[in-house]
C-alpha atoms as a PDB file:
ATOM      1  CA  MET A   1      76.713 182.771 164.158  1.00  0.00           C
ATOM      2  CA  LEU A   2      73.431 184.630 164.501  1.00  0.00           C
ATOM      3  CA  LEU A   3      71.020 185.058 167.397  1.00  0.00           C
ATOM      4  CA  ILE A   4      67.709 185.943 165.791  1.00  0.00           C
ATOM      5  CA  GLY A   5      64.378 187.455 166.764  1.00  0.00           C
ATOM      6  CA  VAL A   6      60.973 185.962 165.965  1.00  0.00           C
ATOM      7  CA  ALA A   7      57.777 187.887 165.443  1.00  0.00           C
ATOM      8  CA  GLY A   8      55.161 186.687 167.895  1.00  0.00           C
ATOM      9  CA  THR A   9      54.007 184.313 170.606  1.00  0.00           C
ATOM     10  CA  GLU A  10      54.102 181.242 168.348  1.00  0.00           C
ATOM     11  CA  LEU A  11      56.598 180.112 165.722  1.00  0.00           C
ATOM     12  CA  THR A  12      55.645 180.510 162.077  1.00  0.00           C
ATOM     13  CA  ALA A  13      56.598 177.972 159.420  1.00  0.00           C
ATOM     14  CA  ARG A  14      59.191 180.385 158.050  1.00  0.00           C
ATOM     15  CA  GLU A  15      60.745 180.843 161.490  1.00  0.00           C
ATOM     16  CA  ARG A  16      60.980 177.076 161.931  1.00  0.00           C
ATOM     17  CA  ASP A  17      62.897 177.001 158.660  1.00  0.00           C
ATOM     18  CA  TRP A  18      65.273 179.675 159.964  1.00  0.00           C
ATOM     19  CA  LEU A  19      66.037 177.559 163.021  1.00  0.00           C
ATOM     20  CA  GLN A  20      67.176 174.732 160.740  1.00  0.00           C
ATOM     21  CA  HIS A  21      69.968 176.929 159.381  1.00  0.00           C
ATOM     22  CA  ASP A  22      73.372 176.006 160.812  1.00  0.00           C
ATOM     23  CA  ALA A  23      74.257 179.674 161.274  1.00  0.00           C
ATOM     24  CA  VAL A  24      71.380 180.262 163.703  1.00  0.00           C
ATOM     25  CA  ALA A  25      72.804 179.877 167.190  1.00  0.00           C
ATOM     26  CA  GLY A  26      69.536 180.637 168.927  1.00  0.00           C
ATOM     27  CA  VAL A  27      66.725 183.100 169.564  1.00  0.00           C
ATOM     28  CA  VAL A  28      66.436 186.274 171.594  1.00  0.00           C
ATOM     29  CA  LEU A  29      62.936 186.932 172.940  1.00  0.00           C
ATOM     30  CA  PHE A  30      61.155 190.232 173.580  1.00  0.00           C
ATOM     31  CA  LYS A  31      57.907 191.582 175.006  1.00  0.00           C
ATOM     32  CA  ARG A  32      56.234 190.807 171.669  1.00  0.00           C
ATOM     33  CA  ASN A  33      56.923 187.107 172.265  1.00  0.00           C
ATOM     34  CA  PHE A  34      55.283 186.998 175.699  1.00  0.00           C
ATOM     35  CA  ALA A  35      51.619 186.605 176.634  1.00  0.00           C
ATOM     36  CA  SER A  36      51.786 184.481 179.772  1.00  0.00           C
ATOM     37  CA  ARG A  37      54.109 182.212 181.679  1.00  0.00           C
ATOM     38  CA  GLY A  38      52.494 179.092 180.224  1.00  0.00           C
ATOM     39  CA  GLN A  39      52.639 180.422 176.673  1.00  0.00           C
ATOM     40  CA  LEU A  40      56.307 181.294 177.121  1.00  0.00           C
ATOM     41  CA  VAL A  41      57.155 177.763 178.237  1.00  0.00           C
ATOM     42  CA  GLU A  42      55.314 176.416 175.180  1.00  0.00           C
ATOM     43  CA  LEU A  43      57.222 178.790 172.892  1.00  0.00           C
ATOM     44  CA  THR A  44      60.636 177.897 174.285  1.00  0.00           C
ATOM     45  CA  SER A  45      59.768 174.204 173.984  1.00  0.00           C
ATOM     46  CA  ALA A  46      58.689 174.698 170.375  1.00  0.00           C
ATOM     47  CA  ILE A  47      61.901 176.518 169.533  1.00  0.00           C
ATOM     48  CA  ARG A  48      64.009 173.703 170.962  1.00  0.00           C
ATOM     49  CA  ALA A  49      61.907 171.084 169.164  1.00  0.00           C
ATOM     50  CA  ALA A  50      62.394 172.819 165.807  1.00  0.00           C
ATOM     51  CA  THR A  51      65.940 171.480 165.389  1.00  0.00           C
ATOM     52  CA  ALA A  52      68.104 168.696 166.774  1.00  0.00           C
ATOM     53  CA  ARG A  53      70.921 171.180 167.386  1.00  0.00           C
ATOM     54  CA  PRO A  54      71.195 172.822 170.814  1.00  0.00           C
ATOM     55  CA  LEU A  55      69.995 176.425 170.630  1.00  0.00           C
ATOM     56  CA  LEU A  56      70.649 179.329 172.961  1.00  0.00           C
ATOM     57  CA  LEU A  57      67.501 181.110 174.172  1.00  0.00           C
ATOM     58  CA  ALA A  58      68.060 184.574 175.612  1.00  0.00           C
ATOM     59  CA  VAL A  59      66.221 187.667 176.811  1.00  0.00           C
ATOM     60  CA  ASP A  60      66.875 191.049 178.426  1.00  0.00           C
ATOM     61  CA  GLN A  61      65.320 190.571 181.874  1.00  0.00           C
ATOM     62  CA  GLU A  62      67.307 193.164 183.797  1.00  0.00           C
ATOM     63  CA  GLY A  63      64.514 194.611 185.913  1.00  0.00           C
ATOM     64  CA  GLY A  64      63.121 198.119 185.957  1.00  0.00           C
ATOM     65  CA  ARG A  65      62.175 199.390 182.508  1.00  0.00           C
ATOM     66  CA  VAL A  66      64.000 196.571 180.717  1.00  0.00           C
ATOM     67  CA  GLN A  67      62.032 193.492 181.728  1.00  0.00           C
ATOM     68  CA  ARG A  68      60.455 191.666 178.802  1.00  0.00           C
ATOM     69  CA  PHE A  69      58.410 189.168 180.847  1.00  0.00           C
ATOM     70  CA  ARG A  70      56.150 190.669 183.488  1.00  0.00           C
ATOM     71  CA  GLU A  71      52.838 188.906 184.244  1.00  0.00           C
ATOM     72  CA  GLY A  72      53.620 185.958 186.521  1.00  0.00           C
ATOM     73  CA  PHE A  73      57.202 187.135 187.055  1.00  0.00           C
ATOM     74  CA  THR A  74      58.651 189.118 189.923  1.00  0.00           C
ATOM     75  CA  GLU A  75      58.688 192.841 189.212  1.00  0.00           C
ATOM     76  CA  LEU A  76      62.422 193.336 189.498  1.00  0.00           C
ATOM     77  CA  PRO A  77      63.665 196.770 190.593  1.00  0.00           C
ATOM     78  CA  PRO A  78      66.219 198.646 188.472  1.00  0.00           C
ATOM     79  CA  LEU A  79      69.856 198.171 189.367  1.00  0.00           C
ATOM     80  CA  ASP A  80      70.456 201.741 190.497  1.00  0.00           C
ATOM     81  CA  GLY A  81      68.700 200.929 193.764  1.00  0.00           C
ATOM     82  CA  LEU A  82      71.541 198.567 194.548  1.00  0.00           C
ATOM     83  CA  GLY A  83      73.979 201.391 193.910  1.00  0.00           C
ATOM     84  CA  ARG A  84      72.157 203.684 196.314  1.00  0.00           C
ATOM     85  CA  LEU A  85      72.208 200.983 198.960  1.00  0.00           C
ATOM     86  CA  TYR A  86      75.919 200.409 198.347  1.00  0.00           C
ATOM     87  CA  ALA A  87      76.634 204.044 199.180  1.00  0.00           C
ATOM     88  CA  THR A  88      75.334 203.530 202.729  1.00  0.00           C
ATOM     89  CA  ASP A  89      75.750 199.788 203.342  1.00  0.00           C
ATOM     90  CA  PRO A  90      78.093 198.033 200.911  1.00  0.00           C
ATOM     91  CA  GLU A  91      77.763 194.612 202.544  1.00  0.00           C
ATOM     92  CA  ALA A  92      73.993 194.679 202.359  1.00  0.00           C
ATOM     93  CA  ALA A  93      74.112 195.896 198.764  1.00  0.00           C
ATOM     94  CA  LEU A  94      76.380 193.062 197.658  1.00  0.00           C
ATOM     95  CA  ALA A  95      74.111 190.500 199.303  1.00  0.00           C
ATOM     96  CA  SER A  96      71.114 192.151 197.653  1.00  0.00           C
ATOM     97  CA  ALA A  97      72.814 192.070 194.249  1.00  0.00           C
ATOM     98  CA  GLU A  98      73.349 188.326 194.563  1.00  0.00           C
ATOM     99  CA  ARG A  99      69.707 187.798 195.560  1.00  0.00           C
ATOM    100  CA  HIS A 100      68.438 190.007 192.723  1.00  0.00           C
ATOM    101  CA  ALA A 101      70.514 187.972 190.275  1.00  0.00           C
ATOM    102  CA  TRP A 102      69.371 184.666 191.785  1.00  0.00           C
ATOM    103  CA  LEU A 103      65.712 185.625 191.522  1.00  0.00           C
ATOM    104  CA  MET A 104      65.976 186.942 187.969  1.00  0.00           C
ATOM    105  CA  ALA A 105      67.972 183.969 186.720  1.00  0.00           C
ATOM    106  CA  SER A 106      65.778 181.397 188.470  1.00  0.00           C
ATOM    107  CA  GLU A 107      62.609 182.695 186.835  1.00  0.00           C
ATOM    108  CA  VAL A 108      64.169 182.985 183.386  1.00  0.00           C
ATOM    109  CA  ARG A 109      65.577 179.460 183.566  1.00  0.00           C
ATOM    110  CA  ALA A 110      62.269 178.073 184.856  1.00  0.00           C
ATOM    111  CA  SER A 111      60.688 179.374 181.645  1.00  0.00           C
ATOM    112  CA  GLY A 112      62.967 177.340 179.412  1.00  0.00           C
ATOM    113  CA  LEU A 113      65.498 180.037 178.514  1.00  0.00           C
ATOM    114  CA  ASP A 114      69.239 179.829 179.046  1.00  0.00           C
ATOM    115  CA  LEU A 115      70.227 183.360 179.910  1.00  0.00           C
ATOM    116  CA  SER A 116      69.314 186.953 180.406  1.00  0.00           C
ATOM    117  CA  PHE A 117      71.788 189.425 178.959  1.00  0.00           C
ATOM    118  CA  ALA A 118      72.895 190.740 182.340  1.00  0.00           C
ATOM    119  CA  PRO A 119      74.281 192.536 184.190  1.00  0.00           C
ATOM    120  CA  VAL A 120      74.536 196.043 182.766  1.00  0.00           C
ATOM    121  CA  VAL A 121      77.956 197.209 183.961  1.00  0.00           C
ATOM    122  CA  ASP A 122      78.004 200.628 182.298  1.00  0.00           C
ATOM    123  CA  VAL A 123      78.916 203.423 184.699  1.00  0.00           C
ATOM    124  CA  GLY A 124      75.846 205.593 185.178  1.00  0.00           C
ATOM    125  CA  HIS A 125      76.289 209.139 183.928  1.00  0.00           C
ATOM    126  CA  GLY A 126      72.844 209.910 182.533  1.00  0.00           C
ATOM    127  CA  ASN A 127      72.939 208.111 179.190  1.00  0.00           C
ATOM    128  CA  LEU A 128      69.476 208.122 177.629  1.00  0.00           C
ATOM    129  CA  ALA A 129      69.527 204.380 176.906  1.00  0.00           C
ATOM    130  CA  ILE A 130      71.091 203.305 180.209  1.00  0.00           C
ATOM    131  CA  GLY A 131      69.670 205.568 182.913  1.00  0.00           C
ATOM    132  CA  ASN A 132      68.709 203.579 186.013  1.00  0.00           C
ATOM    133  CA  ARG A 133      69.797 200.343 184.366  1.00  0.00           C
ATOM    134  CA  ALA A 134      73.299 201.179 185.678  1.00  0.00           C
ATOM    135  CA  PHE A 135      74.294 200.296 189.229  1.00  0.00           C
ATOM    136  CA  ALA A 136      75.957 203.615 190.061  1.00  0.00           C
ATOM    137  CA  GLU A 137      78.141 206.541 188.979  1.00  0.00           C
ATOM    138  CA  ASP A 138      81.143 205.321 190.969  1.00  0.00           C
ATOM    139  CA  PRO A 139      83.063 202.743 188.905  1.00  0.00           C
ATOM    140  CA  GLN A 140      84.398 201.063 192.040  1.00  0.00           C
ATOM    141  CA  ALA A 141      80.847 200.521 193.293  1.00  0.00           C
ATOM    142  CA  VAL A 142      79.792 199.238 189.876  1.00  0.00           C
ATOM    143  CA  ALA A 143      82.761 196.854 189.871  1.00  0.00           C
ATOM    144  CA  ALA A 144      81.901 195.396 193.279  1.00  0.00           C
ATOM    145  CA  LEU A 145      78.213 195.021 192.438  1.00  0.00           C
ATOM    146  CA  THR A 146      79.072 193.479 189.065  1.00  0.00           C
ATOM    147  CA  ALA A 147      81.105 190.723 190.705  1.00  0.00           C
ATOM    148  CA  ALA A 148      78.285 190.031 193.170  1.00  0.00           C
ATOM    149  CA  TYR A 149      75.694 189.901 190.407  1.00  0.00           C
ATOM    150  CA  VAL A 150      77.810 187.456 188.386  1.00  0.00           C
ATOM    151  CA  ARG A 151      78.068 185.227 191.472  1.00  0.00           C
ATOM    152  CA  GLY A 152      74.302 185.298 191.904  1.00  0.00           C
ATOM    153  CA  MET A 153      73.661 184.303 188.294  1.00  0.00           C
ATOM    154  CA  HIS A 154      76.226 181.521 188.458  1.00  0.00           C
ATOM    155  CA  SER A 155      74.593 180.145 191.605  1.00  0.00           C
ATOM    156  CA  VAL A 156      71.582 179.241 189.448  1.00  0.00           C
ATOM    157  CA  GLY A 157      73.673 177.896 186.590  1.00  0.00           C
ATOM    158  CA  MET A 158      73.116 180.909 184.332  1.00  0.00           C
ATOM    159  CA  ALA A 159      75.952 182.418 182.319  1.00  0.00           C
ATOM    160  CA  ALA A 160      76.633 186.116 182.899  1.00  0.00           C
ATOM    161  CA  THR A 161      76.976 188.656 180.070  1.00  0.00           C
ATOM    162  CA  LEU A 162      78.689 191.979 180.777  1.00  0.00           C
ATOM    163  CA  LYS A 163      77.320 194.859 178.732  1.00  0.00           C
ATOM    164  CA  HIS A 164      77.920 197.202 176.927  1.00  0.00           C
ATOM    165  CA  PHE A 165      81.678 197.000 176.353  1.00  0.00           C
ATOM    166  CA  PRO A 166      83.704 199.170 176.723  1.00  0.00           C
ATOM    167  CA  GLY A 167      81.123 201.396 178.414  1.00  0.00           C
ATOM    168  CA  HIS A 168      77.937 203.090 177.211  1.00  0.00           C
ATOM    169  CA  GLY A 169      77.123 205.124 180.283  1.00  0.00           C
ATOM    170  CA  THR A 170      79.005 208.372 179.670  1.00  0.00           C
ATOM    171  CA  VAL A 171      77.801 209.375 176.208  1.00  0.00           C
ATOM    172  CA  ARG A 172      74.405 211.073 176.140  1.00  0.00           C
ATOM    173  CA  GLU A 173      72.993 209.572 172.943  1.00  0.00           C
ATOM    174  CA  ASP A 174      70.805 206.462 172.744  1.00  0.00           C
ATOM    175  CA  THR A 175      72.392 204.155 170.153  1.00  0.00           C
ATOM    176  CA  HIS A 176      69.012 202.622 169.328  1.00  0.00           C
ATOM    177  CA  VAL A 177      68.197 205.819 167.466  1.00  0.00           C
ATOM    178  CA  ASP A 178      71.380 207.862 167.153  1.00  0.00           C
ATOM    179  CA  VAL A 179      75.141 207.778 166.659  1.00  0.00           C
ATOM    180  CA  ALA A 180      77.134 208.045 169.893  1.00  0.00           C
ATOM    181  CA  ILE A 181      80.729 209.304 170.090  1.00  0.00           C
ATOM    182  CA  ASP A 182      82.861 209.210 173.242  1.00  0.00           C
ATOM    183  CA  PRO A 183      85.940 211.455 172.806  1.00  0.00           C
ATOM    184  CA  ARG A 184      87.930 210.194 175.796  1.00  0.00           C
ATOM    185  CA  PRO A 185      91.330 208.528 175.335  1.00  0.00           C
ATOM    186  CA  LEU A 186      91.935 204.906 176.265  1.00  0.00           C
ATOM    187  CA  HIS A 187      93.755 205.670 179.502  1.00  0.00           C
ATOM    188  CA  GLU A 188      90.687 207.522 180.841  1.00  0.00           C
ATOM    189  CA  LEU A 189      88.383 204.679 179.839  1.00  0.00           C
ATOM    190  CA  GLU A 190      90.717 202.168 181.490  1.00  0.00           C
ATOM    191  CA  ALA A 191      90.669 204.119 184.747  1.00  0.00           C
ATOM    192  CA  HIS A 192      86.883 204.444 184.739  1.00  0.00           C
ATOM    193  CA  ASP A 193      84.537 202.500 182.440  1.00  0.00           C
ATOM    194  CA  LEU A 194      86.669 199.388 182.075  1.00  0.00           C
ATOM    195  CA  LEU A 195      86.956 198.760 185.833  1.00  0.00           C
ATOM    196  CA  PRO A 196      83.573 196.982 186.124  1.00  0.00           C
ATOM    197  CA  PHE A 197      84.372 194.842 183.094  1.00  0.00           C
ATOM    198  CA  ARG A 198      87.658 193.788 184.661  1.00  0.00           C
ATOM    199  CA  ALA A 199      85.828 192.901 187.869  1.00  0.00           C
ATOM    200  CA  GLY A 200      83.225 190.901 185.978  1.00  0.00           C
ATOM    201  CA  ILE A 201      85.851 189.020 183.997  1.00  0.00           C
ATOM    202  CA  ALA A 202      87.731 188.234 187.214  1.00  0.00           C
ATOM    203  CA  ALA A 203      84.455 186.927 188.685  1.00  0.00           C
ATOM    204  CA  GLY A 204      84.149 184.503 185.767  1.00  0.00           C
ATOM    205  CA  ALA A 205      81.717 186.272 183.427  1.00  0.00           C
ATOM    206  CA  ASP A 206      80.994 184.065 180.440  1.00  0.00           C
ATOM    207  CA  ALA A 207      80.171 186.621 177.743  1.00  0.00           C
ATOM    208  CA  VAL A 208      80.452 190.274 176.811  1.00  0.00           C
ATOM    209  CA  MET A 209      78.081 192.342 174.682  1.00  0.00           C
ATOM    210  CA  MET A 210      79.637 195.152 172.678  1.00  0.00           C
ATOM    211  CA  ALA A 211      78.490 198.773 172.488  1.00  0.00           C
ATOM    212  CA  HIS A 212      77.619 200.573 169.240  1.00  0.00           C
ATOM    213  CA  VAL A 213      79.600 203.577 170.507  1.00  0.00           C
ATOM    214  CA  VAL A 214      82.523 205.168 168.652  1.00  0.00           C
ATOM    215  CA  TYR A 215      85.669 206.022 170.664  1.00  0.00           C
ATOM    216  CA  PRO A 216      87.681 207.884 167.986  1.00  0.00           C
ATOM    217  CA  GLN A 217      90.838 208.218 170.087  1.00  0.00           C
ATOM    218  CA  VAL A 218      90.965 204.411 170.272  1.00  0.00           C
ATOM    219  CA  ALA A 219      89.513 203.205 166.960  1.00  0.00           C
ATOM    220  CA  PRO A 220      87.671 204.834 164.047  1.00  0.00           C
ATOM    221  CA  GLU A 221      84.714 202.432 164.000  1.00  0.00           C
ATOM    222  CA  PRO A 222      82.109 201.622 166.683  1.00  0.00           C
ATOM    223  CA  ALA A 223      83.435 199.233 169.313  1.00  0.00           C
ATOM    224  CA  GLY A 224      81.053 196.499 168.188  1.00  0.00           C
ATOM    225  CA  TYR A 225      82.966 195.974 164.981  1.00  0.00           C
ATOM    226  CA  SER A 226      86.354 197.238 166.062  1.00  0.00           C
ATOM    227  CA  PRO A 227      89.200 194.689 165.875  1.00  0.00           C
ATOM    228  CA  ARG A 228      91.209 196.830 168.274  1.00  0.00           C
ATOM    229  CA  TRP A 229      88.534 196.842 170.947  1.00  0.00           C
ATOM    230  CA  ILE A 230      87.647 193.165 170.624  1.00  0.00           C
ATOM    231  CA  ASN A 231      90.924 191.460 169.832  1.00  0.00           C
ATOM    232  CA  GLN A 232      93.450 193.757 171.479  1.00  0.00           C
ATOM    233  CA  VAL A 233      91.776 195.467 174.432  1.00  0.00           C
ATOM    234  CA  LEU A 234      89.164 192.893 175.467  1.00  0.00           C
ATOM    235  CA  ARG A 235      90.853 189.631 174.579  1.00  0.00           C
ATOM    236  CA  ARG A 236      94.598 190.342 174.668  1.00  0.00           C
ATOM    237  CA  ASP A 237      94.911 193.083 177.280  1.00  0.00           C
ATOM    238  CA  MET A 238      92.019 192.089 179.573  1.00  0.00           C
ATOM    239  CA  GLY A 239      92.379 188.352 179.068  1.00  0.00           C
ATOM    240  CA  PHE A 240      88.744 187.638 178.219  1.00  0.00           C
ATOM    241  CA  ARG A 241      88.250 184.147 176.786  1.00  0.00           C
ATOM    242  CA  GLY A 242      84.459 183.945 176.639  1.00  0.00           C
ATOM    243  CA  VAL A 243      81.809 184.672 174.023  1.00  0.00           C
ATOM    244  CA  VAL A 244      81.545 188.110 172.391  1.00  0.00           C
ATOM    245  CA  PHE A 245      78.066 189.218 171.291  1.00  0.00           C
ATOM    246  CA  SER A 246      77.350 192.179 169.078  1.00  0.00           C
ATOM    247  CA  ASP A 247      74.514 194.452 170.081  1.00  0.00           C
ATOM    248  CA  ASP A 248      71.505 194.405 167.757  1.00  0.00           C
ATOM    249  CA  ILE A 249      72.393 195.263 164.151  1.00  0.00           C
ATOM    250  CA  GLY A 250      68.974 196.852 163.764  1.00  0.00           C
ATOM    251  CA  MET A 251      70.002 199.746 166.004  1.00  0.00           C
ATOM    252  CA  ALA A 252      70.648 203.063 164.280  1.00  0.00           C
ATOM    253  CA  ALA A 253      74.223 203.380 165.525  1.00  0.00           C
ATOM    254  CA  SER A 254      75.189 200.209 163.638  1.00  0.00           C
ATOM    255  CA  PHE A 255      74.062 201.598 160.267  1.00  0.00           C
ATOM    256  CA  ALA A 256      77.413 203.270 159.648  1.00  0.00           C
ATOM    257  CA  ALA A 257      78.767 199.878 158.611  1.00  0.00           C
ATOM    258  CA  GLY A 258      76.372 199.787 155.644  1.00  0.00           C
ATOM    259  CA  GLY A 259      73.565 197.419 154.696  1.00  0.00           C
ATOM    260  CA  VAL A 260      72.610 194.243 156.525  1.00  0.00           C
ATOM    261  CA  LYS A 261      75.326 192.111 154.922  1.00  0.00           C
ATOM    262  CA  ALA A 262      77.963 194.764 155.600  1.00  0.00           C
ATOM    263  CA  ARG A 263      76.882 194.981 159.251  1.00  0.00           C
ATOM    264  CA  VAL A 264      76.993 191.218 159.738  1.00  0.00           C
ATOM    265  CA  ASP A 265      80.368 190.955 158.005  1.00  0.00           C
ATOM    266  CA  ALA A 266      81.857 193.865 159.940  1.00  0.00           C
ATOM    267  CA  HIS A 267      80.979 192.383 163.332  1.00  0.00           C
ATOM    268  CA  LEU A 268      82.075 188.843 162.537  1.00  0.00           C
ATOM    269  CA  ASP A 269      85.285 189.967 160.828  1.00  0.00           C
ATOM    270  CA  ALA A 270      86.172 192.148 163.825  1.00  0.00           C
ATOM    271  CA  GLY A 271      85.934 189.223 166.226  1.00  0.00           C
ATOM    272  CA  CYS A 272      82.336 188.935 167.442  1.00  0.00           C
ATOM    273  CA  ASP A 273      81.320 185.315 167.927  1.00  0.00           C
ATOM    274  CA  VAL A 274      77.596 186.012 167.608  1.00  0.00           C
ATOM    275  CA  VAL A 275      75.655 188.769 165.836  1.00  0.00           C
ATOM    276  CA  LEU A 276      72.266 189.791 167.240  1.00  0.00           C
ATOM    277  CA  VAL A 277      69.570 190.115 164.569  1.00  0.00           C
ATOM    278  CA  CYS A 278      66.633 191.067 166.763  1.00  0.00           C
ATOM    279  CA  HIS A 279      64.313 192.309 164.007  1.00  0.00           C
ATOM    280  CA  PRO A 280      62.696 189.414 162.094  1.00  0.00           C
ATOM    281  CA  GLU A 281      62.617 191.450 158.886  1.00  0.00           C
ATOM    282  CA  LEU A 282      66.443 191.400 158.845  1.00  0.00           C
ATOM    283  CA  VAL A 283      66.872 187.661 159.375  1.00  0.00           C
ATOM    284  CA  GLU A 284      66.653 186.505 155.741  1.00  0.00           C
ATOM    285  CA  GLN A 285      69.306 188.979 154.611  1.00  0.00           C
ATOM    286  CA  SER A 286      71.497 188.059 157.565  1.00  0.00           C
ATOM    287  CA  LEU A 287      71.300 184.366 156.706  1.00  0.00           C
ATOM    288  CA  GLN A 288      72.328 185.176 153.161  1.00  0.00           C
ATOM    289  CA  ALA A 289      75.210 187.254 154.529  1.00  0.00           C
ATOM    290  CA  VAL A 290      76.765 184.324 156.406  1.00  0.00           C
ATOM    291  CA  ALA A 291      76.529 181.864 153.505  1.00  0.00           C
ATOM    292  CA  GLY A 292      79.886 180.168 153.010  1.00  0.00           C
ATOM    293  CA  ARG A 293      81.358 181.295 156.328  1.00  0.00           C
ATOM    294  CA  SER A 294      82.959 178.787 158.665  1.00  0.00           C
ATOM    295  CA  LEU A 295      80.920 178.664 161.846  1.00  0.00           C
ATOM    296  CA  ASN A 296      82.185 178.391 165.404  1.00  0.00           C
ATOM    297  CA  THR A 297      79.247 176.308 166.592  1.00  0.00           C
ATOM    298  CA  ALA A 298      81.011 175.246 169.785  1.00  0.00           C
ATOM    299  CA  ALA A 299      81.378 178.822 171.040  1.00  0.00           C
ATOM    300  CA  LEU A 300      77.939 178.949 172.645  1.00  0.00           C
ATOM    301  CA  LEU A 301      77.686 175.476 174.129  1.00  0.00           C
ATOM    302  CA  GLY A 302      79.008 176.672 177.471  1.00  0.00           C
ATOM    303  CA  LEU A 303      76.209 179.249 177.701  1.00  0.00           C
ATOM    304  CA  ILE A 304      73.373 176.745 177.331  1.00  0.00           C
ATOM    305  CA  ALA A 305      71.870 175.964 180.730  1.00  0.00           C
ATOM    306  CA  HIS A 306      71.080 172.490 182.019  1.00  0.00           C
ATOM    307  CA  GLY A 307      68.793 171.098 184.675  1.00  0.00           C
ATOM    308  CA  ALA A 308      66.308 173.895 185.374  1.00  0.00           C
ATOM    309  CA  LEU A 309      63.519 172.953 187.792  1.00  0.00           C
ATOM    310  CA  GLY A 310      60.685 174.472 185.786  1.00  0.00           C
ATOM    311  CA  TRP A 311      58.103 176.712 187.400  1.00  0.00           C
ATOM    312  CA  GLY A 312      56.657 173.931 189.549  1.00  0.00           C
ATOM    313  CA  GLY A 313      60.011 173.204 191.121  1.00  0.00           C
ATOM    314  CA  LEU A 314      60.882 176.875 191.493  1.00  0.00           C
ATOM    315  CA  LEU A 315      57.625 177.778 193.225  1.00  0.00           C
ATOM    316  CA  ALA A 316      58.142 174.850 195.608  1.00  0.00           C
ATOM    317  CA  ASP A 317      61.577 176.226 196.527  1.00  0.00           C
ATOM    318  CA  ALA A 318      61.231 178.243 199.728  1.00  0.00           C
ATOM    319  CA  ARG A 319      64.102 180.476 198.653  1.00  0.00           C
ATOM    320  CA  HIS A 320      62.021 181.820 195.761  1.00  0.00           C
ATOM    321  CA  GLY A 321      59.201 182.929 198.021  1.00  0.00           C
ATOM    322  CA  ASP A 322      61.544 184.299 200.659  1.00  0.00           C
ATOM    323  CA  THR A 323      63.475 186.347 198.119  1.00  0.00           C
ATOM    324  CA  ARG A 324      60.299 187.694 196.520  1.00  0.00           C
ATOM    325  CA  ASN A 325      59.015 188.715 199.937  1.00  0.00           C
ATOM    326  CA  LEU A 326      62.224 190.579 200.689  1.00  0.00           C
ATOM    327  CA  LEU A 327      61.798 192.461 197.442  1.00  0.00           C
ATOM    328  CA  LEU A 328      58.149 193.326 197.931  1.00  0.00           C
ATOM    329  CA  GLU A 329      58.514 194.327 201.573  1.00  0.00           C
ATOM    330  CA  ASN A 330      61.459 196.673 201.005  1.00  0.00           C
ATOM    331  CA  PRO A 331      60.239 200.223 200.390  1.00  0.00           C
ATOM    332  CA  GLY A 332      63.503 201.017 198.585  1.00  0.00           C
ATOM    333  CA  ARG A 333      62.659 198.291 196.056  1.00  0.00           C
ATOM    334  CA  THR A 334      65.999 196.550 196.463  1.00  0.00           C
ATOM    335  CA  VAL A 335      66.324 192.889 197.325  1.00  0.00           C
END
């Protein structure tokens, strides 16, 4: 199954054709797809109307520097503020994490999408791609905040996606543009980076997104298309039964697998349920790559949200205004 990107703020005829393909599980939206709240609602409606099949609509709406929709949405603070608060007042931080998640998920669902790929549960050690997207440096703090964030998302009926498994926070390189290698053995990763993932799974997280990071003492290939990481560590040893997403196959660190078809095949063969094809120019080749494959179309049904209020209902909900006010009044920019 593929989760694809589209080019602009309206669907083209070619993109409507893509959505008819049985291998297309849904669409992931970006800043390029957003002009206003009203336009976004029209776009999500058009995507759903393009096929009779249920589609998953997703976005990265984490807060801080990774927030695709801004005008008309709450300016969400980065997650590291929750980590700083946790260091001085854990109870307040956990409550704030739930409210942050509630606010983010409510606004995304009101716009006609099903989920935001959240939370980031990488342990923060200065990675160029992660930075203040991580809750904290202390894995125990990250684990506690992860569980709270999952609860907050679930309270709105949004599935939670833990990323980037098995941990992207310790390597320095940004896998969007470079290869990243983490030399640590599995036992060190288990005692550190995997703790937040275990906490998120125990809290009922619905999905996991893989990292394009190589851990050569565990497996020779990047985790995103590593059978050992997906089938043995994540599923067998950690007991995860949800959906496994690849990270975007347009990122530089995925190129080691080969061309587009080789990348798609590598991720699906290793155990990913869904491959992210965020760049529209790669969609045609990706569709050709999955021709003849058996498709697990039921895998994503549990991630598709139901019963969102829409923006009118959300704005009429006093909790939305109260939570926004808490965010805007707090000089530390944590909810």
